[in-house]
């Protein structure tokens, strides 16, 4: 405006030509002529009327252009909401606008320009375009709510979980005792049941229950949370650390819950978590059905129109809560979980395995494949499956003292006595299993009657060991008769037999 004032002064006060004015002000002759003509058309002369400043002069020379009254103004808020639907574009909305208003409709370029100008004037949070059924933002309120124990008077604080859909801002809230993993997972399940479907993405903050290692580019999810997402066939996209604008929807929803729910409950005393959640549930409909400022639409109406049709259906089976941990089996092919030992295939000894703990089972995973499953709360400290043992251990496990005694009893009393001695004269019965198995092998090689006779001879000579019995059978001595005292009868004469008289 200062240049225009200088042009008018030089024109009417200094009486200079347009060429000299242009040179003095650094303008072209055409621009000088345009300014002079505008002033003449608006009846502005020199000196300027009293009280005319730069703003007033600009308004006189360049009056604001008002759009022709014959054009129908689009409903920009409705356009903004419709753009959240999948596949909806400004081109499509303009075509529908033209069909409704005919000759009174703006051209496409003006339609887009005016919408963008309107959108730029809205709150910053509305500049994010959230697609229908795309994102569920999740966070906790900062303030907590006191819950008083009726009996002891102890006061516990409850955390307030908040989830909000991006497109419609449909909001869910509930109270839990903590922000720990079990409460975090259970709150997600209830939130998804509340909205009646599954969004494409879950957008949480970087709390420990959701993210075990926060990273701007590749955050590491908690394995239980990742399993929940897989069960519901959705994905988790944590907000970047220290970037609250990534979850501006959640921040706004938390503020609304604090103002429209927690503030209204501030004078009430709650004696149980269920009582607090019942009070929150009573106030949730009012929050969701409250119209947006300056609009007739509410969160509930937008949810029914935009988000609900785009949500995926809930899975038929509910998610079973499970925690994950790492374990490495020892040389006895067992892993230790909560002071109990569970077997795994012996070939996995020394490898790091994933362990999935549910309320009832312990599942062991190797490279994504389940390799073992045990009852979580079984009897005893050990839970061992036979198929996990090496072949040699399996054969050993199949035998027991009772089984060996029954087998020996079927052969004969002498064999039974030998077996009893093998099991008895050891620090532990299992130490005699090898000898018993050896005797069993002899019965198959030489027959049961011969083994019984060999055991009788071994007992008679007080040498009831496996080696002695095997030698008797090999030499055929079991077929030699015994005298009444258990000694050998009438040995054959031989030159090498010296006799009792040889010794003196």
Protein backbone atom coordinates (compact mmCIF):
# COMPACT_ATOMS: atom_id res chain seq x y z
CA UNK A 1 0.00 0.00 0.00
CA UNK A 2 2.93 2.37 0.59
CA UNK A 3 3.82 2.16 -3.13
CA UNK A 4 0.26 3.08 -4.14
CA UNK A 5 0.28 6.07 -1.78
CA UNK A 6 3.64 7.18 -3.23
CA UNK A 7 2.31 6.78 -6.81
CA UNK A 8 -0.71 8.96 -6.01
CA UNK A 9 1.47 11.61 -4.33
CA UNK A 10 3.87 11.83 -7.29
CA UNK A 11 0.94 11.90 -9.74
CA UNK A 12 -1.18 14.59 -8.13
CA UNK A 13 1.23 16.55 -5.95
CA UNK A 14 4.48 16.40 -7.92
CA UNK A 15 2.71 16.35 -11.30
CA UNK A 16 5.14 13.75 -12.71
CA UNK A 17 4.52 11.66 -15.79
CA UNK A 18 3.78 7.94 -15.51
CA UNK A 19 7.19 7.16 -16.97
CA UNK A 20 9.06 9.16 -14.32
CA UNK A 21 6.84 7.79 -11.54
CA UNK A 22 7.60 4.25 -12.70
CA UNK A 23 11.34 4.96 -12.65
CA UNK A 24 11.17 6.57 -9.22
CA UNK A 25 9.16 3.70 -7.64
CA UNK A 26 10.77 0.81 -9.52
CA UNK A 27 7.52 -0.14 -11.24
CA UNK A 28 6.40 -0.53 -14.81
CA UNK A 29 4.34 2.15 -16.55
CA UNK A 30 1.45 -0.30 -16.80
CA UNK A 31 1.32 -0.85 -13.04
CA UNK A 32 1.44 2.92 -12.41
CA UNK A 33 -1.43 3.39 -14.84
CA UNK A 34 -3.41 0.58 -13.13
CA UNK A 35 -3.03 2.20 -9.68
CA UNK A 36 -4.06 5.64 -10.98
CA UNK A 37 -7.08 4.19 -12.80
CA UNK A 38 -8.21 2.25 -9.70
CA UNK A 39 -8.03 5.40 -7.60
CA UNK A 40 -10.00 7.38 -10.20
CA UNK A 41 -12.72 4.70 -10.44
CA UNK A 42 -13.10 4.63 -6.65
CA UNK A 43 -13.17 8.44 -6.46
CA UNK A 44 -9.92 8.70 -4.55
CA UNK A 45 -7.95 11.92 -5.10
CA UNK A 46 -5.00 13.63 -3.48
CA UNK A 47 -4.59 14.38 -0.64
CA UNK A 48 -6.21 11.25 0.71
CA UNK A 49 -9.38 11.68 2.78
CA UNK A 50 -8.72 12.23 6.47
CA UNK A 51 -8.39 9.00 8.47
CA UNK A 52 -7.47 6.88 5.45
CA UNK A 53 -4.71 4.47 6.45
CA UNK A 54 -3.20 1.64 4.44
CA UNK A 55 -5.88 -0.90 5.46
CA UNK A 56 -8.67 1.52 4.57
CA UNK A 57 -7.05 2.36 1.22
CA UNK A 58 -6.69 -1.37 0.41
CA UNK A 59 -10.37 -1.94 1.17
CA UNK A 60 -11.34 0.96 -1.11
CA UNK A 61 -9.14 -0.06 -4.02
CA UNK A 62 -9.60 -3.84 -3.74
CA UNK A 63 -13.05 -4.56 -2.32
CA UNK A 64 -13.60 -8.22 -1.31
CA UNK A 65 -15.28 -10.21 -4.00
CA UNK A 66 -18.35 -12.05 -2.80
CA UNK A 67 -19.32 -15.22 -4.64
CA UNK A 68 -22.29 -15.01 -6.93
CA UNK A 69 -25.44 -15.69 -5.04
CA UNK A 70 -26.62 -18.11 -7.73
CA UNK A 71 -24.06 -20.78 -6.61
CA UNK A 72 -25.05 -23.34 -3.98
CA UNK A 73 -22.47 -23.66 -1.20
CA UNK A 74 -21.39 -27.29 -0.55
CA UNK A 75 -21.70 -28.86 2.92
CA UNK A 76 -17.99 -28.99 3.68
CA UNK A 77 -18.35 -30.86 6.97
CA UNK A 78 -20.31 -33.59 5.24
CA UNK A 79 -17.67 -33.74 2.49
CA UNK A 80 -14.96 -34.10 5.14
CA UNK A 81 -16.81 -37.03 6.74
CA UNK A 82 -17.57 -38.75 3.43
CA UNK A 83 -13.90 -38.66 2.45
CA UNK A 84 -13.23 -41.04 5.35
CA UNK A 85 -15.08 -43.80 3.53
CA UNK A 86 -13.01 -46.19 1.42
CA UNK A 87 -13.01 -45.32 -2.27
CA UNK A 88 -14.70 -41.92 -1.83
CA UNK A 89 -12.91 -39.08 -3.65
CA UNK A 90 -13.51 -35.36 -4.17
CA UNK A 91 -14.30 -36.11 -7.84
CA UNK A 92 -17.13 -38.44 -6.80
CA UNK A 93 -18.48 -36.01 -4.20
CA UNK A 94 -18.39 -33.15 -6.73
CA UNK A 95 -20.35 -35.25 -9.23
CA UNK A 96 -23.00 -35.92 -6.57
CA UNK A 97 -23.02 -32.21 -5.70
CA UNK A 98 -23.55 -31.25 -9.37
CA UNK A 99 -26.33 -33.82 -9.68
CA UNK A 100 -28.10 -32.26 -6.67
CA UNK A 101 -27.67 -28.57 -7.62
CA UNK A 102 -27.35 -28.54 -11.40
CA UNK A 103 -26.50 -25.07 -12.77
CA UNK A 104 -26.01 -23.70 -9.28
CA UNK A 105 -23.00 -25.95 -8.67
CA UNK A 106 -19.40 -24.78 -8.69
CA UNK A 107 -16.95 -26.15 -11.21
CA UNK A 108 -14.71 -28.95 -9.96
CA UNK A 109 -11.65 -26.74 -9.44
CA UNK A 110 -13.62 -24.22 -7.33
CA UNK A 111 -15.27 -27.06 -5.43
CA UNK A 112 -11.87 -28.52 -4.44
CA UNK A 113 -10.35 -25.11 -3.67
CA UNK A 114 -13.19 -24.11 -1.36
CA UNK A 115 -13.12 -27.42 0.47
CA UNK A 116 -9.37 -27.13 1.06
CA UNK A 117 -9.78 -23.54 2.29
CA UNK A 118 -12.49 -24.70 4.70
CA UNK A 119 -10.38 -27.63 5.88
CA UNK A 120 -7.40 -25.35 6.55
CA UNK A 121 -9.55 -23.20 8.84
CA UNK A 122 -10.57 -26.16 11.01
CA UNK A 123 -8.77 -27.41 14.08
CA UNK A 124 -5.40 -29.06 13.44
CA UNK A 125 -6.75 -32.43 14.57
CA UNK A 126 -9.17 -32.48 11.65
CA UNK A 127 -6.34 -32.24 9.14
CA UNK A 128 -5.60 -35.91 9.61
CA UNK A 129 -7.70 -38.00 7.28
CA UNK A 130 -8.89 -41.16 9.04
CA UNK A 131 -10.39 -43.83 6.82
CA UNK A 132 -13.50 -45.69 7.88
CA UNK A 133 -12.74 -48.72 10.03
CA UNK A 134 -9.01 -48.13 9.69
CA UNK A 135 -7.61 -47.23 13.14
CA UNK A 136 -8.45 -47.72 16.79
CA UNK A 137 -6.38 -45.38 18.99
CA UNK A 138 -5.68 -46.59 22.53
CA UNK A 139 -4.37 -44.85 25.65
CA UNK A 140 -4.85 -44.39 29.40
CA UNK A 141 -6.09 -41.28 31.18
CA UNK A 142 -3.60 -39.46 33.36
CA UNK A 143 -5.93 -39.09 36.38
CA UNK A 144 -6.90 -42.21 38.30
CA UNK A 145 -10.04 -42.97 40.33
CA UNK A 146 -10.00 -44.02 43.98
CA UNK A 147 -11.78 -47.25 44.98
CA UNK A 148 -12.35 -47.86 48.70
CA UNK A 149 -12.40 -51.31 50.29
CA UNK A 150 -15.59 -51.58 52.38
CA UNK A 151 -14.03 -53.75 55.06
CA UNK A 152 -10.54 -52.35 55.57
CA UNK A 153 -10.99 -48.82 54.22
CA UNK A 154 -7.91 -49.31 52.03
CA UNK A 155 -7.87 -47.05 48.98
CA UNK A 156 -6.73 -48.41 45.62
CA UNK A 157 -6.45 -46.38 42.43
CA UNK A 158 -8.00 -47.57 39.18
CA UNK A 159 -6.58 -46.79 35.74
CA UNK A 160 -8.91 -45.53 32.99
CA UNK A 161 -8.49 -47.26 29.61
CA UNK A 162 -9.69 -45.31 26.54
CA UNK A 163 -10.12 -46.49 22.92
CA UNK A 164 -11.42 -44.30 20.07
CA UNK A 165 -12.07 -44.98 16.38
CA UNK A 166 -10.33 -42.58 14.02
CA UNK A 167 -13.08 -41.80 11.51
CA UNK A 168 -16.09 -41.34 13.80
CA UNK A 169 -14.35 -40.64 17.14
CA UNK A 170 -16.62 -43.28 18.70
CA UNK A 171 -15.21 -43.74 22.21
CA UNK A 172 -14.96 -46.56 24.74
CA UNK A 173 -13.71 -46.26 28.33
CA UNK A 174 -13.40 -48.59 31.32
CA UNK A 175 -11.52 -48.91 34.61
CA UNK A 176 -8.87 -51.53 35.42
CA UNK A 177 -6.63 -52.05 38.42
CA UNK A 178 -3.42 -51.60 36.46
CA UNK A 179 -1.80 -51.08 33.07
CA UNK A 180 -0.20 -54.53 33.24
CA UNK A 181 -0.35 -57.03 30.39
CA UNK A 182 -3.39 -59.06 31.59
CA UNK A 183 -5.49 -55.90 32.12
CA UNK A 184 -4.25 -54.41 28.83
CA UNK A 185 -5.27 -57.49 26.83
CA UNK A 186 -8.63 -57.88 28.60
CA UNK A 187 -9.46 -54.19 27.97
CA UNK A 188 -8.78 -54.68 24.25
CA UNK A 189 -11.14 -57.64 24.13
CA UNK A 190 -13.93 -55.67 25.82
CA UNK A 191 -13.31 -52.61 23.61
CA UNK A 192 -13.59 -54.68 20.42
CA UNK A 193 -16.80 -56.28 21.70
CA UNK A 194 -18.14 -52.78 22.45
CA UNK A 195 -17.60 -51.53 18.89
CA UNK A 196 -18.76 -54.87 17.49
CA UNK A 197 -15.93 -55.38 15.03
CA UNK A 198 -12.21 -55.23 14.31
CA UNK A 199 -10.35 -52.25 12.74
CA UNK A 200 -7.42 -52.60 10.36
CA UNK A 201 -4.91 -51.11 12.82
CA UNK A 202 -4.46 -50.75 16.57
CA UNK A 203 -2.51 -47.60 17.49
CA UNK A 204 -1.27 -47.75 21.11
CA UNK A 205 1.27 -45.72 23.03
CA UNK A 206 4.66 -47.23 23.88
CA UNK A 207 3.72 -48.62 27.29
CA UNK A 208 5.46 -51.82 28.40
CA UNK A 209 2.39 -54.03 27.92
CA UNK A 210 2.33 -53.13 24.21
CA UNK A 211 5.95 -52.54 23.23
CA UNK A 212 8.92 -54.31 24.81
CA UNK A 213 11.44 -52.18 22.89
CA UNK A 214 10.40 -48.75 21.66
CA UNK A 215 11.93 -47.66 18.36
CA UNK A 216 11.03 -44.91 15.93
CA UNK A 217 11.22 -47.25 12.95
CA UNK A 218 11.05 -50.91 14.10
CA UNK A 219 9.39 -51.20 17.53
CA UNK A 220 9.37 -54.67 19.13
CA UNK A 221 5.88 -55.71 20.20
CA UNK A 222 5.07 -57.68 23.29
CA UNK A 223 4.53 -61.26 22.07
CA UNK A 224 1.18 -61.64 23.84
CA UNK A 225 -0.05 -58.38 22.26
CA UNK A 226 1.16 -59.54 18.84
CA UNK A 227 -0.68 -62.85 19.35
CA UNK A 228 -3.87 -60.94 20.19
CA UNK A 229 -3.54 -58.94 16.97
CA UNK A 230 -3.00 -62.13 14.96
CA UNK A 231 -6.08 -63.73 16.55
CA UNK A 232 -8.24 -60.74 15.57
CA UNK A 233 -6.55 -60.50 12.14
CA UNK A 234 -5.46 -56.92 12.67
CA UNK A 235 -2.09 -55.17 12.99
CA UNK A 236 -0.42 -53.02 15.64
CA UNK A 237 1.16 -49.68 14.69
CA UNK A 238 2.57 -48.06 17.84
CA UNK A 239 2.91 -44.29 17.90
CA UNK A 240 6.47 -43.01 17.57
CA UNK A 241 8.17 -42.31 20.90
CA UNK A 242 7.70 -38.71 22.04
CA UNK A 243 5.35 -37.96 19.12
CA UNK A 244 1.92 -37.39 20.70
CA UNK A 245 0.54 -36.05 17.41
CA UNK A 246 0.72 -39.61 16.06
CA UNK A 247 -2.18 -40.43 18.40
CA UNK A 248 -3.90 -37.06 18.55
CA UNK A 249 -7.26 -38.85 18.43
CA UNK A 250 -6.44 -40.73 21.60
CA UNK A 251 -5.24 -37.56 23.32
CA UNK A 252 -8.50 -35.81 22.43
CA UNK A 253 -10.59 -38.79 23.55
CA UNK A 254 -8.73 -38.97 26.87
CA UNK A 255 -9.49 -35.26 27.41
CA UNK A 256 -13.18 -35.83 26.63
CA UNK A 257 -13.40 -38.80 29.02
CA UNK A 258 -11.75 -36.76 31.76
CA UNK A 259 -14.16 -33.84 31.23
CA UNK A 260 -17.43 -35.61 30.49
CA UNK A 261 -17.09 -38.77 32.62
CA UNK A 262 -14.40 -38.54 35.32
CA UNK A 263 -15.27 -34.93 36.21
CA UNK A 264 -18.91 -35.93 36.73
CA UNK A 265 -17.89 -38.79 38.99
CA UNK A 266 -15.51 -36.77 41.14
CA UNK A 267 -17.97 -36.45 44.07
CA UNK A 268 -18.91 -40.14 44.15
CA UNK A 269 -17.26 -42.81 46.27
CA UNK A 270 -16.79 -46.25 44.71
CA UNK A 271 -16.38 -49.45 46.71
CA UNK A 272 -15.53 -51.85 43.89
CA UNK A 273 -14.14 -51.84 40.38
CA UNK A 274 -17.42 -53.23 39.03
CA UNK A 275 -19.31 -50.32 40.59
CA UNK A 276 -16.95 -47.81 38.96
CA UNK A 277 -17.27 -49.49 35.56
CA UNK A 278 -21.06 -49.46 35.84
CA UNK A 279 -20.96 -45.69 36.43
CA UNK A 280 -18.66 -45.16 33.43
CA UNK A 281 -20.94 -47.30 31.24
CA UNK A 282 -23.92 -45.13 32.20
CA UNK A 283 -22.16 -41.96 31.01
CA UNK A 284 -20.61 -43.35 27.80
CA UNK A 285 -23.79 -43.11 25.67
CA UNK A 286 -24.20 -39.41 26.51
CA UNK A 287 -20.61 -38.73 25.41
CA UNK A 288 -21.01 -40.60 22.12
CA UNK A 289 -24.45 -39.18 21.33
CA UNK A 290 -23.46 -35.58 22.07
CA UNK A 291 -23.38 -33.59 18.76
CA UNK A 292 -20.10 -32.16 17.56
CA UNK A 293 -19.74 -28.45 18.15
CA UNK A 294 -21.71 -26.55 15.53
CA UNK A 295 -22.94 -29.75 13.85
CA UNK A 296 -25.93 -32.05 14.08
CA UNK A 297 -23.87 -35.26 13.76
CA UNK A 298 -22.61 -37.14 16.81
CA UNK A 299 -20.01 -39.84 17.38
CA UNK A 300 -22.73 -42.49 17.47
CA UNK A 301 -24.35 -41.37 14.22
CA UNK A 302 -21.02 -41.19 12.40
CA UNK A 303 -20.06 -44.59 13.81
CA UNK A 304 -23.23 -46.18 12.45
CA UNK A 305 -22.84 -44.46 9.07
CA UNK A 306 -19.08 -44.69 8.55
CA UNK A 307 -17.13 -47.01 10.84
CA UNK A 308 -19.48 -49.90 11.61
CA UNK A 309 -19.97 -50.99 7.95
CA UNK A 310 -16.19 -50.99 7.42
CA UNK A 311 -15.19 -52.99 10.50
CA UNK A 312 -14.21 -56.64 10.13
CA UNK A 313 -16.31 -59.19 12.02
CA UNK A 314 -15.15 -60.48 15.38
CA UNK A 315 -13.63 -64.00 15.32
CA UNK A 316 -15.92 -66.86 16.28
CA UNK A 317 -13.68 -68.00 19.14
CA UNK A 318 -12.55 -65.62 21.90
CA UNK A 319 -8.86 -64.98 22.39
CA UNK A 320 -7.25 -67.14 25.07
CA UNK A 321 -4.82 -65.10 27.14
CA UNK A 322 -1.28 -66.43 27.10
CA UNK A 323 2.10 -65.16 28.23
CA UNK A 324 5.35 -65.87 26.44
CA UNK A 325 8.84 -66.48 27.74
CA UNK A 326 12.15 -67.98 26.62
CA UNK A 327 13.61 -71.22 28.01
CA UNK A 328 16.55 -73.49 27.25
CA UNK A 329 16.32 -77.23 28.10
CA UNK A 330 19.14 -78.82 30.08
CA UNK A 331 20.85 -82.10 29.42
CA UNK A 332 17.84 -83.91 30.88
CA UNK A 333 15.71 -82.38 28.03
CA UNK A 334 13.45 -80.52 30.49
CA UNK A 335 12.69 -76.78 30.78
CA UNK A 336 11.86 -75.11 34.07
CA UNK A 337 8.73 -72.94 34.35
CA UNK A 338 7.53 -71.68 37.72
CA UNK A 339 9.63 -74.30 39.56
CA UNK A 340 8.15 -77.21 37.55
CA UNK A 341 9.97 -79.18 34.87
CA UNK A 342 8.47 -80.01 31.46
CA UNK A 343 10.04 -82.30 28.85
CA UNK A 344 10.79 -81.35 25.25
CA UNK A 345 12.15 -83.52 22.41
CA UNK A 346 15.69 -84.51 23.39
CA UNK A 347 17.08 -83.26 20.06
CA UNK A 348 16.33 -79.67 21.18
CA UNK A 349 18.67 -79.75 24.17
CA UNK A 350 20.66 -76.51 24.37
CA UNK A 351 18.41 -74.52 22.01
CA UNK A 352 16.42 -71.45 23.07
CA UNK A 353 12.69 -72.22 22.82
CA UNK A 354 9.55 -70.09 23.07
CA UNK A 355 7.15 -71.07 25.84
CA UNK A 356 3.47 -70.11 25.72
CA UNK A 357 1.69 -70.17 29.07
CA UNK A 358 -2.09 -70.24 29.20
CA UNK A 359 -4.21 -70.75 32.28
CA UNK A 360 -4.20 -74.52 31.76
CA UNK A 361 -1.37 -75.50 29.44
CA UNK A 362 2.35 -75.05 28.81
CA UNK A 363 3.14 -75.07 25.08
CA UNK A 364 6.70 -75.15 23.80
CA UNK A 365 7.47 -73.69 20.35
CA UNK A 366 10.51 -74.13 18.13
CA UNK A 367 10.70 -71.88 15.06
CA UNK A 368 6.96 -71.30 15.22
CA UNK A 369 6.06 -74.98 15.49
CA UNK A 370 4.64 -76.52 18.65
CA UNK A 371 6.95 -79.31 19.82
CA UNK A 372 5.50 -80.04 23.28
CA UNK A 373 2.34 -79.47 25.31
CA UNK A 374 1.81 -80.21 29.01
CA UNK A 375 -0.88 -79.51 31.62
CA UNK A 376 0.27 -76.44 33.52
CA UNK A 377 -0.88 -77.56 36.97
CA UNK A 378 -0.22 -81.30 36.98
CA UNK A 379 0.85 -83.58 39.81
CA UNK A 380 4.45 -83.69 40.90
CA UNK A 381 7.35 -81.52 39.87
CA UNK A 382 8.13 -83.36 36.62
CA UNK A 383 5.99 -83.69 33.51
CA UNK A 384 7.75 -86.06 31.11
CA UNK A 385 6.43 -87.50 27.85
CA UNK A 386 7.93 -90.78 26.68
CA UNK A 387 8.20 -89.67 23.06
CA UNK A 388 10.55 -86.87 24.13
CA UNK A 389 13.12 -89.33 25.49
CA UNK A 390 16.01 -90.92 23.56
CA UNK A 391 15.35 -94.49 22.45
CA UNK A 392 17.65 -95.88 25.12
CA UNK A 393 15.84 -93.92 27.83
CA UNK A 394 12.49 -95.01 26.50
CA UNK A 395 13.46 -98.67 26.74
CA UNK A 396 14.72 -98.07 30.25
CA UNK A 397 11.51 -96.26 31.21
CA UNK A 398 9.31 -99.12 30.01
CA UNK A 399 10.67 -101.42 32.71
CA UNK A 400 9.89 -101.46 36.41
CA UNK A 401 10.75 -103.78 39.34
CA UNK A 402 7.24 -105.20 39.28
CA UNK A 403 7.45 -106.01 35.61
CA UNK A 404 10.77 -107.84 36.02
CA UNK A 405 9.42 -109.87 38.96
CA UNK A 406 6.31 -110.91 37.06
CA UNK A 407 8.44 -112.02 34.12
CA UNK A 408 10.75 -114.06 36.39
CA UNK A 409 7.81 -115.61 38.25
CA UNK A 410 6.50 -116.99 34.94
CA UNK A 411 9.84 -118.77 34.32
CA UNK A 412 10.41 -120.34 37.70
CA UNK A 413 11.25 -119.85 41.39
CA UNK A 414 15.01 -119.88 40.87
CA UNK A 415 14.86 -117.19 38.21
CA UNK A 416 12.56 -115.16 40.50
CA UNK A 417 15.10 -115.44 43.32
CA UNK A 418 17.94 -114.31 41.04
CA UNK A 419 15.94 -111.31 39.83
CA UNK A 420 14.99 -110.35 43.36
CA UNK A 421 18.68 -110.42 44.28
CA UNK A 422 19.58 -108.22 41.29
CA UNK A 423 17.01 -105.62 42.34
CA UNK A 424 17.71 -105.85 46.04
CA UNK A 425 21.48 -105.73 46.19
CA UNK A 426 21.72 -102.32 44.54
CA UNK A 427 21.53 -98.72 45.87
CA UNK A 428 18.53 -98.21 43.61
CA UNK A 429 16.43 -100.86 41.77
CA UNK A 430 17.09 -99.15 38.43
CA UNK A 431 20.77 -100.01 38.80
CA UNK A 432 19.88 -103.73 38.33
CA UNK A 433 17.71 -103.16 35.24
CA UNK A 434 20.60 -103.86 32.86
CA UNK A 435 21.33 -107.25 34.45
CA UNK A 436 17.62 -108.13 34.40
CA UNK A 437 17.39 -107.19 30.74
CA UNK A 438 20.45 -109.36 30.09
CA UNK A 439 18.78 -112.35 31.76
CA UNK A 440 15.67 -111.73 29.67
CA UNK A 441 17.81 -111.88 26.57
CA UNK A 442 19.29 -115.22 27.75
CA UNK A 443 15.78 -116.70 28.09
CA UNK A 444 15.15 -115.89 24.46
CA UNK A 445 18.49 -117.31 23.34
CA UNK A 446 18.59 -120.52 25.36
CA UNK A 447 14.89 -121.02 26.34
CA UNK A 448 13.16 -120.43 29.63
CA UNK A 449 13.68 -123.96 31.08
CA UNK A 450 17.43 -123.79 30.56
CA UNK A 451 17.53 -120.33 32.17
CA UNK A 452 15.66 -121.70 35.19
CA UNK A 453 18.18 -124.57 35.49
CA UNK A 454 21.10 -122.15 35.09
CA UNK A 455 19.69 -119.92 37.82
CA UNK A 456 19.30 -122.98 40.10
CA UNK A 457 22.95 -123.93 39.57
CA UNK A 458 24.10 -120.30 40.07
CA UNK A 459 22.21 -120.12 43.37
CA UNK A 460 23.69 -123.46 44.43
CA UNK A 461 27.25 -122.27 43.92
CA UNK A 462 26.43 -118.83 45.39
CA UNK A 463 27.24 -116.98 42.19
CA UNK A 464 23.89 -115.61 41.02
CA UNK A 465 25.29 -112.90 38.77
CA UNK A 466 24.49 -112.28 35.12
CA UNK A 467 28.05 -113.18 34.07
CA UNK A 468 27.95 -116.49 35.98
CA UNK A 469 24.55 -117.51 34.57
CA UNK A 470 25.63 -116.57 31.04
CA UNK A 471 28.74 -118.72 31.47
CA UNK A 472 26.74 -121.72 32.76
CA UNK A 473 24.46 -121.56 29.74
CA UNK A 474 27.34 -121.11 27.33
CA UNK A 475 29.22 -124.11 28.75
CA UNK A 476 26.06 -126.23 28.97
CA UNK A 477 26.55 -126.75 32.70
CA UNK A 478 22.87 -126.19 33.29
CA UNK A 479 22.34 -129.67 31.86
CA UNK A 480 24.65 -131.27 34.47
CA UNK A 481 22.84 -132.60 37.52
CA UNK A 482 23.46 -131.26 41.02
CA UNK A 483 23.89 -133.56 44.12
CA UNK A 484 21.69 -133.20 47.12
CA UNK A 485 23.92 -130.58 48.71
CA UNK A 486 23.98 -128.56 45.60
CA UNK A 487 27.51 -129.77 44.68
CA UNK A 488 28.53 -131.19 41.35
CA UNK A 489 27.96 -134.99 41.13
CA UNK A 490 30.70 -137.51 40.09
CA UNK A 491 33.02 -135.43 38.03
CA UNK A 492 34.72 -137.40 35.26
CA UNK A 493 38.24 -138.74 35.93
CA UNK A 494 40.97 -136.61 34.40
CA UNK A 495 44.78 -136.43 34.71
CA UNK A 496 44.61 -132.77 35.57
CA UNK A 497 42.41 -133.46 38.56
CA UNK A 498 44.82 -133.90 41.48
CA UNK A 499 42.35 -134.84 44.19
CA UNK A 500 42.35 -134.04 47.93
CA UNK A 501 45.49 -136.12 48.63
CA UNK A 502 47.62 -133.80 46.55
CA UNK A 503 47.39 -131.07 49.19
CA UNK A 504 49.19 -131.58 52.52
